[in-house]
N, C-alpha and C. Protein backbone atom coordinates (compact mmCIF):
# COMPACT_ATOMS: atom_id res chain seq x y z
N UNK A 1 33.17 14.75 -2.05
CA UNK A 1 33.05 14.48 -3.48
C UNK A 1 32.93 15.78 -4.24
N UNK A 2 33.44 15.76 -5.47
CA UNK A 2 33.44 16.97 -6.29
C UNK A 2 32.03 17.47 -6.55
N UNK A 3 31.06 16.57 -6.60
CA UNK A 3 29.69 16.99 -6.91
C UNK A 3 29.15 17.93 -5.85
N UNK A 4 29.65 17.87 -4.63
CA UNK A 4 29.14 18.71 -3.55
C UNK A 4 29.77 20.09 -3.54
N UNK A 5 30.88 20.28 -4.25
CA UNK A 5 31.59 21.55 -4.18
C UNK A 5 30.84 22.69 -4.84
N UNK A 6 29.86 22.39 -5.65
CA UNK A 6 29.09 23.45 -6.32
C UNK A 6 28.09 24.11 -5.38
N UNK A 7 27.88 23.52 -4.20
CA UNK A 7 26.90 24.04 -3.27
C UNK A 7 27.60 24.74 -2.10
N UNK A 8 26.83 25.55 -1.39
CA UNK A 8 27.35 26.20 -0.21
C UNK A 8 27.57 25.21 0.92
N UNK A 9 28.27 25.66 1.97
CA UNK A 9 28.67 24.77 3.05
C UNK A 9 27.47 24.11 3.73
N UNK A 10 26.44 24.89 4.05
CA UNK A 10 25.29 24.33 4.76
C UNK A 10 24.53 23.34 3.88
N UNK A 11 24.42 23.66 2.58
CA UNK A 11 23.73 22.75 1.67
C UNK A 11 24.54 21.48 1.46
N UNK A 12 25.87 21.60 1.46
CA UNK A 12 26.74 20.43 1.31
C UNK A 12 26.43 19.40 2.39
N UNK A 13 26.22 19.85 3.63
CA UNK A 13 25.96 18.91 4.72
C UNK A 13 24.67 18.14 4.48
N UNK A 14 23.61 18.87 4.07
CA UNK A 14 22.33 18.22 3.81
C UNK A 14 22.46 17.21 2.68
N UNK A 15 23.08 17.63 1.57
CA UNK A 15 23.19 16.76 0.41
C UNK A 15 24.16 15.60 0.66
N UNK A 16 25.16 15.80 1.52
CA UNK A 16 26.11 14.73 1.81
C UNK A 16 25.40 13.54 2.45
N UNK A 17 24.47 13.80 3.38
CA UNK A 17 23.70 12.71 3.99
C UNK A 17 22.92 11.95 2.93
N UNK A 18 22.33 12.71 2.01
CA UNK A 18 21.52 12.08 0.97
C UNK A 18 22.38 11.25 0.03
N UNK A 19 23.55 11.77 -0.33
CA UNK A 19 24.42 11.05 -1.25
C UNK A 19 25.00 9.80 -0.59
N UNK A 20 25.33 9.89 0.68
CA UNK A 20 25.83 8.70 1.39
C UNK A 20 24.77 7.61 1.42
N UNK A 21 23.51 8.01 1.60
CA UNK A 21 22.43 7.02 1.59
C UNK A 21 22.38 6.29 0.26
N UNK A 22 22.53 7.04 -0.84
CA UNK A 22 22.49 6.41 -2.16
C UNK A 22 23.71 5.51 -2.38
N UNK A 23 24.88 5.96 -1.94
CA UNK A 23 26.09 5.14 -2.10
C UNK A 23 25.99 3.86 -1.28
N UNK A 24 25.36 3.94 -0.12
CA UNK A 24 25.13 2.73 0.67
C UNK A 24 24.23 1.75 -0.09
N UNK A 25 23.22 2.30 -0.76
CA UNK A 25 22.33 1.46 -1.57
C UNK A 25 23.11 0.77 -2.68
N UNK A 26 24.01 1.49 -3.35
CA UNK A 26 24.84 0.89 -4.39
C UNK A 26 25.67 -0.26 -3.81
N UNK A 27 26.26 -0.01 -2.65
CA UNK A 27 27.15 -1.01 -2.05
C UNK A 27 26.37 -2.27 -1.65
N UNK A 28 25.23 -2.08 -1.00
CA UNK A 28 24.45 -3.23 -0.53
C UNK A 28 23.94 -4.06 -1.70
N UNK A 29 23.61 -3.39 -2.81
CA UNK A 29 23.08 -4.09 -3.98
C UNK A 29 24.18 -4.50 -4.96
N UNK A 30 25.45 -4.31 -4.55
CA UNK A 30 26.59 -4.72 -5.38
C UNK A 30 26.52 -4.11 -6.78
N UNK A 31 26.23 -2.83 -6.83
CA UNK A 31 26.13 -2.12 -8.10
C UNK A 31 27.18 -1.04 -8.17
N UNK A 32 27.47 -0.59 -9.36
CA UNK A 32 28.40 0.51 -9.59
C UNK A 32 27.72 1.52 -10.51
N UNK A 33 28.16 2.78 -10.48
CA UNK A 33 27.48 3.82 -11.27
C UNK A 33 27.41 3.50 -12.76
N UNK A 34 28.38 2.79 -13.31
CA UNK A 34 28.38 2.54 -14.75
C UNK A 34 27.37 1.47 -15.17
N UNK A 35 26.74 0.80 -14.19
CA UNK A 35 25.74 -0.22 -14.54
C UNK A 35 24.31 0.21 -14.22
N UNK A 36 24.16 1.35 -13.59
CA UNK A 36 22.84 1.79 -13.13
C UNK A 36 22.01 2.33 -14.29
N UNK A 37 20.76 1.89 -14.36
CA UNK A 37 19.81 2.41 -15.33
C UNK A 37 18.81 3.30 -14.61
N UNK A 38 18.03 4.03 -15.39
CA UNK A 38 17.06 4.94 -14.80
C UNK A 38 16.03 4.20 -13.94
N UNK A 39 15.61 3.03 -14.40
CA UNK A 39 14.65 2.24 -13.62
C UNK A 39 15.22 1.86 -12.25
N UNK A 40 16.55 1.63 -12.20
CA UNK A 40 17.18 1.33 -10.92
C UNK A 40 17.04 2.51 -9.96
N UNK A 41 17.25 3.72 -10.48
CA UNK A 41 17.13 4.90 -9.63
C UNK A 41 15.70 5.12 -9.18
N UNK A 42 14.74 4.81 -10.04
CA UNK A 42 13.34 4.92 -9.63
C UNK A 42 13.03 3.94 -8.51
N UNK A 43 13.57 2.72 -8.61
CA UNK A 43 13.36 1.74 -7.54
C UNK A 43 14.01 2.21 -6.24
N UNK A 44 15.19 2.83 -6.38
CA UNK A 44 15.86 3.36 -5.18
C UNK A 44 15.00 4.43 -4.52
N UNK A 45 14.47 5.37 -5.30
CA UNK A 45 13.64 6.43 -4.74
C UNK A 45 12.36 5.85 -4.12
N UNK A 46 11.79 4.84 -4.75
CA UNK A 46 10.60 4.20 -4.19
C UNK A 46 10.92 3.54 -2.85
N UNK A 47 12.09 2.92 -2.77
CA UNK A 47 12.49 2.30 -1.51
C UNK A 47 12.71 3.33 -0.41
N UNK A 48 13.35 4.45 -0.76
CA UNK A 48 13.65 5.49 0.23
C UNK A 48 12.40 6.19 0.73
N UNK A 49 11.37 6.24 -0.11
CA UNK A 49 10.12 6.92 0.28
C UNK A 49 9.06 5.96 0.77
N UNK A 50 9.40 4.68 0.91
CA UNK A 50 8.46 3.70 1.45
C UNK A 50 7.43 3.20 0.46
N UNK A 51 7.70 3.35 -0.85
CA UNK A 51 6.74 2.92 -1.87
C UNK A 51 7.15 1.62 -2.56
N UNK A 52 8.23 1.00 -2.09
CA UNK A 52 8.70 -0.23 -2.73
C UNK A 52 7.83 -1.41 -2.32
N UNK A 53 7.69 -2.35 -3.23
CA UNK A 53 6.95 -3.57 -2.93
C UNK A 53 7.88 -4.57 -2.24
N UNK A 54 7.40 -5.18 -1.17
CA UNK A 54 8.20 -6.19 -0.48
C UNK A 54 9.40 -5.57 0.21
N UNK A 55 10.48 -6.33 0.32
CA UNK A 55 11.67 -5.88 1.05
C UNK A 55 12.82 -5.59 0.11
N UNK A 56 12.69 -5.83 -1.18
CA UNK A 56 13.81 -5.65 -2.08
C UNK A 56 14.21 -4.19 -2.16
N UNK A 57 15.50 -3.95 -2.03
CA UNK A 57 16.02 -2.60 -2.13
C UNK A 57 16.00 -1.83 -0.82
N UNK A 58 15.50 -2.43 0.25
CA UNK A 58 15.41 -1.73 1.52
C UNK A 58 16.49 -2.13 2.51
N UNK A 59 17.30 -3.08 2.15
CA UNK A 59 18.26 -3.62 3.11
C UNK A 59 19.31 -2.59 3.54
N UNK A 60 19.52 -1.54 2.75
CA UNK A 60 20.56 -0.58 3.11
C UNK A 60 20.11 0.39 4.20
N UNK A 61 18.83 0.43 4.51
CA UNK A 61 18.32 1.33 5.54
C UNK A 61 18.03 0.55 6.82
N UNK A 62 18.33 1.17 7.96
CA UNK A 62 18.09 0.51 9.23
C UNK A 62 16.59 0.37 9.49
N UNK A 63 16.19 -0.64 10.24
CA UNK A 63 14.76 -0.85 10.50
C UNK A 63 14.08 0.35 11.16
N UNK A 64 14.86 1.15 11.94
CA UNK A 64 14.25 2.27 12.64
C UNK A 64 14.19 3.55 11.80
N UNK A 65 14.71 3.50 10.58
CA UNK A 65 14.67 4.68 9.71
C UNK A 65 13.31 4.77 9.02
N UNK A 66 12.67 5.91 9.18
CA UNK A 66 11.37 6.11 8.57
C UNK A 66 11.53 6.47 7.09
N UNK A 67 10.51 6.20 6.27
CA UNK A 67 10.57 6.61 4.87
C UNK A 67 10.72 8.13 4.75
N UNK A 68 11.38 8.56 3.71
CA UNK A 68 11.60 9.99 3.49
C UNK A 68 10.30 10.68 3.11
N UNK A 69 10.13 11.90 3.61
CA UNK A 69 9.02 12.73 3.21
C UNK A 69 9.32 13.40 1.88
N UNK A 70 8.36 14.20 1.41
CA UNK A 70 8.49 14.81 0.09
C UNK A 70 9.69 15.74 0.00
N UNK A 71 9.88 16.59 1.00
CA UNK A 71 10.98 17.55 0.95
C UNK A 71 12.33 16.85 1.00
N UNK A 72 12.47 15.88 1.93
CA UNK A 72 13.73 15.15 2.03
C UNK A 72 14.00 14.34 0.77
N UNK A 73 12.95 13.73 0.20
CA UNK A 73 13.12 12.98 -1.04
C UNK A 73 13.53 13.90 -2.19
N UNK A 74 13.06 15.14 -2.17
CA UNK A 74 13.48 16.10 -3.17
C UNK A 74 14.96 16.41 -3.08
N UNK A 75 15.48 16.50 -1.84
CA UNK A 75 16.92 16.69 -1.65
C UNK A 75 17.71 15.52 -2.22
N UNK A 76 17.24 14.31 -1.92
CA UNK A 76 17.91 13.10 -2.42
C UNK A 76 17.91 13.10 -3.95
N UNK A 77 16.75 13.40 -4.54
CA UNK A 77 16.65 13.40 -6.00
C UNK A 77 17.60 14.41 -6.62
N UNK A 78 17.74 15.57 -5.99
CA UNK A 78 18.62 16.61 -6.52
C UNK A 78 20.07 16.16 -6.56
N UNK A 79 20.56 15.62 -5.44
CA UNK A 79 21.98 15.27 -5.39
C UNK A 79 22.27 13.99 -6.16
N UNK A 80 21.31 13.05 -6.23
CA UNK A 80 21.52 11.83 -7.01
C UNK A 80 21.63 12.18 -8.50
N UNK A 81 20.75 13.05 -8.97
CA UNK A 81 20.84 13.48 -10.37
C UNK A 81 22.16 14.19 -10.62
N UNK A 82 22.55 15.10 -9.73
CA UNK A 82 23.81 15.83 -9.90
C UNK A 82 25.01 14.88 -9.89
N UNK A 83 24.93 13.84 -9.06
CA UNK A 83 26.03 12.87 -8.96
C UNK A 83 26.25 12.15 -10.29
N UNK A 84 25.18 11.66 -10.90
CA UNK A 84 25.34 10.92 -12.15
C UNK A 84 25.69 11.84 -13.31
N UNK A 85 25.19 13.06 -13.31
CA UNK A 85 25.57 14.00 -14.36
C UNK A 85 27.04 14.38 -14.26
N UNK A 86 27.57 14.41 -13.02
CA UNK A 86 28.98 14.75 -12.85
C UNK A 86 29.90 13.65 -13.38
N UNK A 87 29.37 12.42 -13.51
CA UNK A 87 30.17 11.31 -14.03
C UNK A 87 30.15 11.23 -15.56
N UNK A 88 29.34 12.09 -16.17
CA UNK A 88 29.16 12.00 -17.63
C UNK A 88 30.47 12.24 -18.38
N UNK A 89 31.26 13.21 -17.94
CA UNK A 89 32.51 13.54 -18.65
C UNK A 89 33.51 12.39 -18.61
N UNK A 90 33.49 11.60 -17.54
CA UNK A 90 34.43 10.49 -17.41
C UNK A 90 33.98 9.25 -18.17
N UNK A 91 32.74 9.24 -18.62
CA UNK A 91 32.22 8.08 -19.34
C UNK A 91 31.84 6.93 -18.45
N UNK A 92 31.82 7.17 -17.11
CA UNK A 92 31.51 6.09 -16.17
C UNK A 92 30.03 6.04 -15.81
N UNK A 93 29.18 6.32 -16.80
CA UNK A 93 27.74 6.28 -16.58
C UNK A 93 27.07 6.00 -17.91
N UNK A 94 25.96 5.31 -17.87
CA UNK A 94 25.27 4.93 -19.10
C UNK A 94 24.67 6.15 -19.80
N UNK A 95 24.79 6.17 -21.12
CA UNK A 95 24.26 7.30 -21.90
C UNK A 95 22.75 7.38 -21.80
N UNK A 96 22.07 6.23 -21.75
CA UNK A 96 20.61 6.27 -21.66
C UNK A 96 20.15 6.80 -20.31
N UNK A 97 20.97 6.63 -19.26
CA UNK A 97 20.62 7.19 -17.96
C UNK A 97 20.71 8.72 -18.01
N UNK A 98 21.78 9.23 -18.61
CA UNK A 98 21.93 10.68 -18.73
C UNK A 98 20.77 11.27 -19.53
N UNK A 99 20.39 10.58 -20.59
CA UNK A 99 19.28 11.07 -21.41
C UNK A 99 17.98 11.10 -20.61
N UNK A 100 17.75 10.07 -19.82
CA UNK A 100 16.53 10.01 -19.02
C UNK A 100 16.52 11.10 -17.94
N UNK A 101 17.68 11.39 -17.37
CA UNK A 101 17.76 12.39 -16.31
C UNK A 101 17.63 13.82 -16.84
N UNK A 102 17.94 14.03 -18.11
CA UNK A 102 17.96 15.38 -18.66
C UNK A 102 16.87 15.63 -19.69
N UNK A 103 15.99 14.69 -19.88
CA UNK A 103 14.97 14.84 -20.93
C UNK A 103 13.70 15.51 -20.43
N UNK A 104 13.68 15.90 -19.16
CA UNK A 104 12.49 16.54 -18.62
C UNK A 104 12.36 17.97 -19.12
N UNK A 105 11.22 18.57 -18.81
CA UNK A 105 10.98 19.94 -19.25
C UNK A 105 11.85 20.91 -18.46
N UNK A 106 12.10 22.06 -19.06
CA UNK A 106 12.84 23.13 -18.40
C UNK A 106 11.90 24.29 -18.13
N UNK A 107 12.19 25.04 -17.09
CA UNK A 107 11.39 26.22 -16.79
C UNK A 107 12.30 27.29 -16.25
N UNK A 108 11.86 28.53 -16.35
CA UNK A 108 12.67 29.67 -15.94
C UNK A 108 12.20 30.19 -14.61
N UNK A 109 13.15 30.33 -13.70
CA UNK A 109 12.83 30.95 -12.41
C UNK A 109 12.88 32.46 -12.60
N UNK A 110 11.87 33.16 -12.12
CA UNK A 110 11.77 34.59 -12.34
C UNK A 110 12.51 35.36 -11.24
N UNK A 111 12.76 36.62 -11.52
CA UNK A 111 13.47 37.46 -10.57
C UNK A 111 14.73 38.02 -11.19
N UNK A 112 15.46 38.76 -10.37
CA UNK A 112 16.68 39.40 -10.89
C UNK A 112 17.68 38.38 -11.40
N UNK A 113 17.76 37.24 -10.73
CA UNK A 113 18.72 36.20 -11.13
C UNK A 113 18.00 35.07 -11.85
N UNK A 114 17.00 35.41 -12.67
CA UNK A 114 16.23 34.38 -13.37
C UNK A 114 17.13 33.45 -14.15
N UNK A 115 16.89 32.18 -14.04
CA UNK A 115 17.72 31.18 -14.72
C UNK A 115 16.86 30.00 -15.10
N UNK A 116 17.33 29.26 -16.10
CA UNK A 116 16.60 28.10 -16.57
C UNK A 116 16.97 26.89 -15.72
N UNK A 117 15.98 26.17 -15.26
CA UNK A 117 16.18 25.01 -14.39
C UNK A 117 15.46 23.82 -15.00
N UNK A 118 16.12 22.67 -15.01
CA UNK A 118 15.49 21.45 -15.51
C UNK A 118 14.72 20.77 -14.41
N UNK A 119 13.57 20.22 -14.76
CA UNK A 119 12.83 19.42 -13.79
C UNK A 119 13.59 18.12 -13.53
N UNK A 120 13.31 17.53 -12.40
CA UNK A 120 14.02 16.32 -12.00
C UNK A 120 13.05 15.14 -12.03
N UNK A 121 13.24 14.19 -12.96
CA UNK A 121 12.31 13.06 -13.05
C UNK A 121 12.36 12.13 -11.84
N UNK A 122 13.38 12.28 -10.99
CA UNK A 122 13.47 11.45 -9.79
C UNK A 122 12.71 12.04 -8.61
N UNK A 123 12.41 13.32 -8.68
CA UNK A 123 11.76 14.00 -7.56
C UNK A 123 10.33 13.52 -7.41
N UNK A 124 9.85 13.41 -6.17
CA UNK A 124 8.46 12.97 -5.96
C UNK A 124 7.49 14.03 -6.45
N UNK A 125 6.35 13.58 -6.91
CA UNK A 125 5.31 14.51 -7.34
C UNK A 125 4.60 15.05 -6.10
N UNK A 126 4.40 16.34 -6.10
CA UNK A 126 3.73 16.98 -4.98
C UNK A 126 2.29 17.26 -5.35
N UNK A 127 1.40 16.93 -4.44
CA UNK A 127 -0.02 17.16 -4.69
C UNK A 127 -0.40 18.61 -4.45
N UNK A 128 -1.60 18.94 -4.82
CA UNK A 128 -2.07 20.31 -4.66
C UNK A 128 -2.79 20.52 -3.34
N UNK A 129 -2.88 19.47 -2.53
CA UNK A 129 -3.58 19.59 -1.24
C UNK A 129 -2.83 20.54 -0.32
N UNK A 130 -3.53 21.47 0.28
CA UNK A 130 -2.94 22.45 1.18
C UNK A 130 -3.14 22.01 2.63
N UNK A 131 -2.17 22.29 3.50
CA UNK A 131 -2.36 21.94 4.91
C UNK A 131 -3.47 22.78 5.52
N UNK A 132 -4.11 22.22 6.53
CA UNK A 132 -5.17 22.95 7.22
C UNK A 132 -4.55 23.90 8.24
N UNK A 133 -5.09 25.11 8.30
CA UNK A 133 -4.57 26.12 9.21
C UNK A 133 -5.59 26.39 10.32
N UNK A 134 -5.10 26.95 11.42
CA UNK A 134 -5.99 27.41 12.47
C UNK A 134 -6.81 28.58 11.94
N UNK A 135 -8.04 28.71 12.38
CA UNK A 135 -8.84 29.88 11.99
C UNK A 135 -8.14 31.17 12.39
N UNK A 136 -8.33 32.20 11.60
CA UNK A 136 -7.65 33.48 11.86
C UNK A 136 -7.96 34.01 13.24
N UNK A 137 -9.19 33.81 13.73
CA UNK A 137 -9.54 34.35 15.04
C UNK A 137 -8.78 33.65 16.17
N UNK A 138 -8.46 32.35 15.97
CA UNK A 138 -7.67 31.63 16.96
C UNK A 138 -6.24 32.15 16.99
N UNK A 139 -5.67 32.35 15.79
CA UNK A 139 -4.31 32.88 15.71
C UNK A 139 -4.26 34.28 16.31
N UNK A 140 -5.28 35.11 16.00
CA UNK A 140 -5.33 36.46 16.54
C UNK A 140 -5.38 36.44 18.06
N UNK A 141 -6.12 35.48 18.61
CA UNK A 141 -6.22 35.38 20.07
C UNK A 141 -4.88 35.02 20.69
N UNK A 142 -4.09 34.21 19.99
CA UNK A 142 -2.77 33.84 20.50
C UNK A 142 -1.84 35.04 20.59
N UNK A 143 -2.05 36.01 19.71
CA UNK A 143 -1.17 37.18 19.68
C UNK A 143 -1.70 38.32 20.55
N UNK A 144 -2.74 38.04 21.33
CA UNK A 144 -3.19 39.06 22.28
C UNK A 144 -2.12 39.27 23.34
N UNK A 145 -2.02 40.48 23.89
CA UNK A 145 -1.00 40.77 24.91
C UNK A 145 -1.06 39.78 26.08
N UNK A 146 0.10 39.30 26.47
CA UNK A 146 0.20 38.42 27.63
C UNK A 146 0.05 36.95 27.33
N UNK A 147 -0.33 36.58 26.09
CA UNK A 147 -0.48 35.15 25.76
C UNK A 147 0.86 34.55 25.40
N UNK A 148 1.51 35.10 24.41
CA UNK A 148 2.86 34.67 24.03
C UNK A 148 3.84 35.59 24.71
N UNK A 149 4.61 35.05 25.66
CA UNK A 149 5.41 35.91 26.54
C UNK A 149 6.86 36.02 26.12
N UNK A 150 7.31 35.25 25.12
CA UNK A 150 8.70 35.33 24.69
C UNK A 150 8.78 35.44 23.17
N UNK A 151 9.89 35.99 22.70
CA UNK A 151 10.11 36.09 21.25
C UNK A 151 10.14 34.71 20.61
N UNK A 152 10.61 33.72 21.36
CA UNK A 152 10.65 32.35 20.84
C UNK A 152 9.24 31.84 20.55
N UNK A 153 8.31 32.10 21.50
CA UNK A 153 6.94 31.64 21.32
C UNK A 153 6.28 32.34 20.13
N UNK A 154 6.55 33.62 19.97
CA UNK A 154 6.00 34.37 18.83
C UNK A 154 6.53 33.78 17.52
N UNK A 155 7.83 33.48 17.49
CA UNK A 155 8.42 32.90 16.28
C UNK A 155 7.80 31.55 15.96
N UNK A 156 7.61 30.72 16.99
CA UNK A 156 7.07 29.37 16.77
C UNK A 156 5.66 29.45 16.18
N UNK A 157 4.80 30.25 16.78
CA UNK A 157 3.44 30.35 16.28
C UNK A 157 3.42 30.96 14.88
N UNK A 158 4.26 31.96 14.65
CA UNK A 158 4.31 32.60 13.34
C UNK A 158 4.74 31.61 12.27
N UNK A 159 5.77 30.83 12.55
CA UNK A 159 6.27 29.87 11.55
C UNK A 159 5.28 28.74 11.33
N UNK A 160 4.66 28.27 12.40
CA UNK A 160 3.67 27.20 12.24
C UNK A 160 2.49 27.68 11.41
N UNK A 161 2.05 28.91 11.66
CA UNK A 161 0.87 29.42 10.96
C UNK A 161 1.20 29.86 9.54
N UNK A 162 2.23 30.70 9.37
CA UNK A 162 2.54 31.26 8.05
C UNK A 162 3.27 30.27 7.15
N UNK A 163 4.06 29.38 7.74
CA UNK A 163 4.84 28.45 6.93
C UNK A 163 4.18 27.12 6.69
N UNK A 164 3.10 26.83 7.41
CA UNK A 164 2.44 25.55 7.24
C UNK A 164 3.23 24.38 7.77
N UNK A 165 4.20 24.64 8.66
CA UNK A 165 5.02 23.57 9.23
C UNK A 165 4.26 22.81 10.31
N UNK A 166 4.61 21.55 10.47
CA UNK A 166 4.11 20.79 11.60
C UNK A 166 5.08 20.98 12.77
N UNK A 167 4.61 20.68 13.97
CA UNK A 167 5.42 20.89 15.15
C UNK A 167 6.72 20.09 15.08
N UNK A 168 6.62 18.81 14.70
CA UNK A 168 7.83 17.97 14.62
C UNK A 168 8.80 18.49 13.58
N UNK A 169 8.27 18.96 12.45
CA UNK A 169 9.15 19.50 11.41
C UNK A 169 9.86 20.75 11.87
N UNK A 170 9.15 21.64 12.58
CA UNK A 170 9.75 22.86 13.08
C UNK A 170 10.83 22.55 14.12
N UNK A 171 10.54 21.61 15.02
CA UNK A 171 11.50 21.26 16.08
C UNK A 171 12.75 20.59 15.51
N UNK A 172 12.62 20.00 14.32
CA UNK A 172 13.76 19.31 13.72
C UNK A 172 14.59 20.16 12.78
N UNK A 173 14.21 21.44 12.60
CA UNK A 173 14.95 22.30 11.68
C UNK A 173 16.37 22.55 12.18
N UNK A 174 17.30 22.60 11.25
CA UNK A 174 18.67 23.02 11.53
C UNK A 174 18.98 24.22 10.66
N UNK A 175 20.06 24.92 11.02
CA UNK A 175 20.39 26.15 10.27
C UNK A 175 20.58 25.87 8.79
N UNK A 176 21.17 24.71 8.46
CA UNK A 176 21.42 24.40 7.05
C UNK A 176 20.14 24.12 6.28
N UNK A 177 19.02 23.93 6.99
CA UNK A 177 17.74 23.70 6.32
C UNK A 177 17.04 25.00 5.94
N UNK A 178 17.55 26.12 6.44
CA UNK A 178 16.91 27.42 6.20
C UNK A 178 17.53 28.07 4.98
N UNK A 179 16.82 28.03 3.88
CA UNK A 179 17.28 28.66 2.64
C UNK A 179 16.49 29.95 2.48
N UNK A 180 16.90 30.98 3.20
CA UNK A 180 16.08 32.19 3.35
C UNK A 180 16.49 33.30 2.40
N UNK A 181 17.13 32.95 1.29
CA UNK A 181 17.44 33.91 0.24
C UNK A 181 16.78 33.46 -1.05
N UNK A 182 16.50 34.39 -1.93
CA UNK A 182 15.92 34.03 -3.22
C UNK A 182 16.97 33.33 -4.08
N UNK A 183 16.51 32.38 -4.88
CA UNK A 183 17.36 31.64 -5.81
C UNK A 183 18.52 30.96 -5.08
N UNK A 184 18.18 30.25 -4.02
CA UNK A 184 19.20 29.50 -3.28
C UNK A 184 19.82 28.44 -4.19
N UNK A 185 21.12 28.15 -4.05
CA UNK A 185 21.78 27.17 -4.93
C UNK A 185 21.16 25.78 -4.94
N UNK A 186 20.30 25.45 -3.97
CA UNK A 186 19.68 24.13 -3.98
C UNK A 186 18.79 23.95 -5.20
N UNK A 187 18.27 25.06 -5.75
CA UNK A 187 17.50 24.98 -6.98
C UNK A 187 16.09 24.45 -6.82
N UNK A 188 15.64 24.24 -5.58
CA UNK A 188 14.31 23.66 -5.38
C UNK A 188 13.19 24.64 -5.70
N UNK A 189 13.39 25.92 -5.36
CA UNK A 189 12.40 26.93 -5.70
C UNK A 189 13.06 28.30 -5.62
N UNK A 190 12.44 29.30 -6.26
CA UNK A 190 13.04 30.62 -6.35
C UNK A 190 12.90 31.40 -5.04
N UNK A 191 11.75 31.25 -4.36
CA UNK A 191 11.49 32.03 -3.16
C UNK A 191 12.25 31.47 -1.96
N UNK A 192 12.47 32.30 -0.94
CA UNK A 192 13.03 31.77 0.31
C UNK A 192 12.18 30.63 0.84
N UNK A 193 12.81 29.60 1.40
CA UNK A 193 12.07 28.42 1.84
C UNK A 193 12.89 27.66 2.86
N UNK A 194 12.28 26.65 3.46
CA UNK A 194 12.99 25.74 4.36
C UNK A 194 12.78 24.32 3.88
N UNK A 195 13.72 23.44 4.23
CA UNK A 195 13.60 22.02 3.92
C UNK A 195 13.38 21.26 5.24
N UNK A 196 12.33 20.46 5.27
CA UNK A 196 12.09 19.60 6.42
C UNK A 196 12.71 18.24 6.10
N UNK A 197 13.84 17.96 6.77
CA UNK A 197 14.64 16.78 6.47
C UNK A 197 14.47 15.75 7.57
N UNK A 198 14.11 14.53 7.21
CA UNK A 198 13.98 13.48 8.20
C UNK A 198 15.35 13.03 8.72
N UNK A 199 15.55 13.08 10.02
CA UNK A 199 16.82 12.67 10.62
C UNK A 199 16.51 11.83 11.87
N UNK A 200 17.49 11.05 12.26
CA UNK A 200 17.29 10.24 13.46
C UNK A 200 18.32 10.59 14.54
N UNK A 201 19.00 11.74 14.37
CA UNK A 201 20.03 12.10 15.34
C UNK A 201 19.81 13.49 15.91
N UNK A 202 18.57 13.99 15.87
CA UNK A 202 18.30 15.29 16.49
C UNK A 202 18.33 15.13 18.02
N UNK A 203 19.05 16.01 18.72
CA UNK A 203 19.14 15.89 20.18
C UNK A 203 17.78 15.91 20.86
N UNK A 204 16.80 16.63 20.28
CA UNK A 204 15.48 16.71 20.90
C UNK A 204 14.54 15.60 20.43
N UNK A 205 15.05 14.70 19.60
CA UNK A 205 14.24 13.57 19.15
C UNK A 205 13.24 13.88 18.07
N UNK A 206 13.26 15.12 17.54
CA UNK A 206 12.29 15.50 16.50
C UNK A 206 12.59 14.76 15.20
């Protein structure tokens, strides 16, 4: 789809999964983009993140699919918003939906490539709670000579400690999830970061 061409190859793969999920929801609910209202998209996001009441809106997802986490839901919100905005020129989308998607506050990302970015009203709200870390003395003990014997082990402990990742999230990372440059086209944040994306086809089962 044309909406994906604005992103790099690795990001296209991540967003393509998210967009297919939304298109499946449209198909199962017998809806088309020109009839969708903002409340419909909120219900879709609630269903994808496991916050929907009852079973309505969940039929498009398999029973074994877990609700999306915050990071994965943020990816979905990004590409869903981009999808409907891309339909604006053709007139195949409701004007009130476009207004609702673009009426949020804007903020400027700082740095050499500082740019203005609109907030996404579909994105989940993130709390201020910080993950719990191992005490510094425990981490220091792990880095004593002879404890971590391979570069892989050093990387794993470093990423778990410094990045706040969980073991399952780290084991499920793919190259396309690593946005290790500033101002990555995904637009989620200015600093280098990773996306923990829920998948059910990782060879290691993560």
